[in-house]
C-alpha atoms as a PDB file:
ATOM      1  CA  MET A   1      24.961 146.154   0.533  1.00  0.00           C
ATOM      2  CA  GLY A   2      26.476 147.892   3.561  1.00  0.00           C
ATOM      3  CA  LYS A   3      27.772 151.411   3.842  1.00  0.00           C
ATOM      4  CA  ARG A   4      30.942 152.169   1.949  1.00  0.00           C
ATOM      5  CA  ARG A   5      33.991 152.441   4.162  1.00  0.00           C
ATOM      6  CA  TRP A   6      37.677 153.107   3.749  1.00  0.00           C
ATOM      7  CA  THR A   7      40.097 151.103   5.805  1.00  0.00           C
ATOM      8  CA  VAL A   8      43.373 152.757   6.736  1.00  0.00           C
ATOM      9  CA  VAL A   9      46.141 150.577   8.187  1.00  0.00           C
ATOM     10  CA  LEU A  10      48.740 152.442  10.262  1.00  0.00           C
ATOM     11  CA  VAL A  11      52.007 150.479  10.476  1.00  0.00           C
ATOM     12  CA  PRO A  12      54.590 151.837  12.955  1.00  0.00           C
ATOM     13  CA  HIS A  13      58.366 151.390  12.481  1.00  0.00           C
ATOM     14  CA  GLY A  14      59.087 149.547  15.676  1.00  0.00           C
ATOM     15  CA  SER A  15      57.551 146.446  17.139  1.00  0.00           C
ATOM     16  CA  GLU A  16      54.323 148.213  18.078  1.00  0.00           C
ATOM     17  CA  PRO A  17      51.153 146.662  16.742  1.00  0.00           C
ATOM     18  CA  SER A  18      49.492 148.010  13.620  1.00  0.00           C
ATOM     19  CA  ARG A  19      46.303 150.021  13.963  1.00  0.00           C
ATOM     20  CA  ILE A  20      43.347 149.767  11.668  1.00  0.00           C
ATOM     21  CA  VAL A  21      41.070 152.771  11.256  1.00  0.00           C
ATOM     22  CA  GLU A  22      37.807 152.533   9.362  1.00  0.00           C
ATOM     23  CA  VAL A  23      36.441 155.760   7.898  1.00  0.00           C
ATOM     24  CA  SER A  24      32.997 156.001   6.360  1.00  0.00           C
ATOM     25  CA  TYR A  25      32.681 157.467   2.881  1.00  0.00           C
ATOM     26  CA  THR A  26      30.546 160.391   4.102  1.00  0.00           C
ATOM     27  CA  VAL A  27      33.101 161.356   6.761  1.00  0.00           C
ATOM     28  CA  LEU A  28      35.828 161.206   4.118  1.00  0.00           C
ATOM     29  CA  LYS A  29      33.789 163.441   1.796  1.00  0.00           C
ATOM     30  CA  LEU A  30      33.125 165.899   4.626  1.00  0.00           C
ATOM     31  CA  ALA A  31      36.827 166.013   5.550  1.00  0.00           C
ATOM     32  CA  ALA A  32      37.809 166.566   1.903  1.00  0.00           C
ATOM     33  CA  GLY A  33      35.185 169.304   1.579  1.00  0.00           C
ATOM     34  CA  ALA A  34      36.450 170.969   4.751  1.00  0.00           C
ATOM     35  CA  CYS A  35      40.043 170.831   3.454  1.00  0.00           C
ATOM     36  CA  VAL A  36      38.980 172.384   0.147  1.00  0.00           C
ATOM     37  CA  ALA A  37      37.043 175.089   2.025  1.00  0.00           C
ATOM     38  CA  VAL A  38      40.051 175.877   4.236  1.00  0.00           C
ATOM     39  CA  VAL A  39      42.335 176.099   1.194  1.00  0.00           C
ATOM     40  CA  LEU A  40      39.889 178.388  -0.641  1.00  0.00           C
ATOM     41  CA  ILE A  41      39.426 180.641   2.377  1.00  0.00           C
ATOM     42  CA  SER A  42      43.184 180.917   2.917  1.00  0.00           C
ATOM     43  CA  LEU A  43      43.672 181.727  -0.782  1.00  0.00           C
ATOM     44  CA  LEU A  44      40.989 184.415  -0.626  1.00  0.00           C
ATOM     45  CA  LEU A  45      42.482 185.918   2.525  1.00  0.00           C
ATOM     46  CA  GLY A  46      45.947 185.864   0.967  1.00  0.00           C
ATOM     47  CA  TYR A  47      44.667 187.558  -2.178  1.00  0.00           C
ATOM     48  CA  ALA A  48      42.832 190.179  -0.113  1.00  0.00           C
ATOM     49  CA  SER A  49      45.910 190.990   1.974  1.00  0.00           C
ATOM     50  CA  VAL A  50      48.185 191.182  -1.082  1.00  0.00           C
ATOM     51  CA  SER A  51      45.766 193.388  -3.006  1.00  0.00           C
ATOM     52  CA  ARG A  52      45.352 195.628   0.047  1.00  0.00           C
ATOM     53  CA  SER A  53      49.121 196.010   0.450  1.00  0.00           C
ATOM     54  CA  VAL A  54      49.411 196.806  -3.266  1.00  0.00           C
ATOM     55  CA  ASP A  55      46.662 199.431  -2.875  1.00  0.00           C
ATOM     56  CA  ILE A  56      48.459 200.925   0.119  1.00  0.00           C
ATOM     57  CA  SER A  57      51.776 201.130  -1.744  1.00  0.00           C
ATOM     58  CA  ARG A  58      49.966 202.644  -4.746  1.00  0.00           C
ATOM     59  CA  ALA A  59      48.347 205.226  -2.453  1.00  0.00           C
ATOM     60  CA  VAL A  60      51.751 206.123  -0.998  1.00  0.00           C
ATOM     61  CA  LYS A  61      53.170 206.590  -4.503  1.00  0.00           C
ATOM     62  CA  LEU A  62      50.203 208.748  -5.474  1.00  0.00           C
ATOM     63  CA  GLU A  63      50.660 210.889  -2.356  1.00  0.00           C
ATOM     64  CA  GLN A  64      54.326 211.410  -3.230  1.00  0.00           C
ATOM     65  CA  GLU A  65      53.425 212.314  -6.803  1.00  0.00           C
ATOM     66  CA  ASN A  66      50.742 214.681  -5.532  1.00  0.00           C
ATOM     67  CA  ALA A  67      53.250 216.413  -3.252  1.00  0.00           C
ATOM     68  CA  ALA A  68      55.723 216.780  -6.139  1.00  0.00           C
ATOM     69  CA  LEU A  69      53.021 218.222  -8.391  1.00  0.00           C
ATOM     70  CA  ALA A  70      51.933 220.640  -5.652  1.00  0.00           C
ATOM     71  CA  ALA A  71      55.540 221.823  -5.338  1.00  0.00           C
ATOM     72  CA  GLN A  72      55.730 222.339  -9.106  1.00  0.00           C
ATOM     73  CA  ILE A  73      52.480 224.310  -9.073  1.00  0.00           C
ATOM     74  CA  GLY A  74      53.857 226.501  -6.284  1.00  0.00           C
ATOM     75  CA  GLU A  75      57.022 227.110  -8.286  1.00  0.00           C
ATOM     76  CA  LEU A  76      55.019 227.961 -11.413  1.00  0.00           C
ATOM     77  CA  HIS A  77      52.816 230.320  -9.390  1.00  0.00           C
ATOM     78  CA  GLY A  78      55.919 232.147  -8.172  1.00  0.00           C
ATOM     79  CA  ARG A  79      57.314 232.374 -11.686  1.00  0.00           C
ATOM     80  CA  MET A  80      53.968 233.686 -12.985  1.00  0.00           C
ATOM     81  CA  GLY A  81      53.979 236.380 -10.294  1.00  0.00           C
ATOM     82  CA  SER A  82      57.501 237.375 -11.281  1.00  0.00           C
ATOM     83  CA  LEU A  83      56.529 237.434 -14.954  1.00  0.00           C
ATOM     84  CA  SER A  84      53.469 239.574 -14.180  1.00  0.00           C
ATOM     85  CA  ASP A  85      55.659 242.061 -12.294  1.00  0.00           C
ATOM     86  CA  THR A  86      58.093 242.161 -15.223  1.00  0.00           C
ATOM     87  CA  LEU A  87      55.258 242.819 -17.684  1.00  0.00           C
ATOM     88  CA  GLN A  88      53.939 245.664 -15.508  1.00  0.00           C
ATOM     89  CA  LEU A  89      57.414 247.176 -15.402  1.00  0.00           C
ATOM     90  CA  ILE A  90      57.696 246.933 -19.198  1.00  0.00           C
ATOM     91  CA  ALA A  91      54.257 248.598 -19.580  1.00  0.00           C
ATOM     92  CA  GLN A  92      55.323 251.467 -17.290  1.00  0.00           C
ATOM     93  CA  ARG A  93      58.533 251.989 -19.253  1.00  0.00           C
ATOM     94  CA  ASP A  94      56.538 251.891 -22.489  1.00  0.00           C
ATOM     95  CA  GLN A  95      54.309 254.684 -21.173  1.00  0.00           C
ATOM     96  CA  GLN A  96      57.363 256.723 -20.121  1.00  0.00           C
ATOM     97  CA  ILE A  97      59.014 256.280 -23.522  1.00  0.00           C
ATOM     98  CA  ARG A  98      55.768 257.249 -25.299  1.00  0.00           C
ATOM     99  CA  VAL A  99      55.578 260.430 -23.197  1.00  0.00           C
ATOM    100  CA  LEU A 100      59.238 261.254 -23.973  1.00  0.00           C
ATOM    101  CA  ALA A 101      58.778 260.504 -27.675  1.00  0.00           C
ATOM    102  CA  ASN A 102      55.571 262.576 -27.761  1.00  0.00           C
ATOM    103  CA  LEU A 103      53.479 259.570 -28.929  1.00  0.00           C
ATOM    104  CA  ASN A 104      49.831 258.872 -28.182  1.00  0.00           C
ATOM    105  CA  PRO A 105      49.298 256.491 -25.232  1.00  0.00           C
ATOM    106  CA  ILE A 106      48.036 253.005 -26.014  1.00  0.00           C
ATOM    107  CA  ASP A 107      44.339 252.441 -25.309  1.00  0.00           C
ATOM    108  CA  PRO A 108      43.878 250.232 -22.193  1.00  0.00           C
ATOM    109  CA  GLN A 109      41.681 247.797 -24.153  1.00  0.00           C
ATOM    110  CA  VAL A 110      44.394 247.398 -26.796  1.00  0.00           C
ATOM    111  CA  ARG A 111      46.998 246.866 -24.053  1.00  0.00           C
ATOM    112  CA  ALA A 112      44.741 244.241 -22.402  1.00  0.00           C
ATOM    113  CA  ALA A 113      44.503 242.418 -25.742  1.00  0.00           C
ATOM    114  CA  GLY A 114      48.295 242.288 -25.872  1.00  0.00           C
ATOM    115  CA  ILE A 115      48.754 244.255 -29.076  1.00  0.00           C
END
């Protein structure tokens, strides 16, 4: 038995003669394999580019969130400084009132404990 072959008949619309093309089975398998390989490679490249663009957009969002959080930390740091100044002012007034009221001063360790 001879080699397997596919016969493709190309029939044009006009009065041109038909063409007959014979393709061996191995060439057909190679062409189909090449087409499958091209499709798989293009799918992989498409997936890689989409995932990379998603990663880039995610990184941009994370950078924006990081900047917002840094701004909030700066604001909280400023408020903590203001609160610390207010507490020092209250402690000074407490000492002045204790002197005026002839009371014993609070021990620094007790003041540090917040009592």
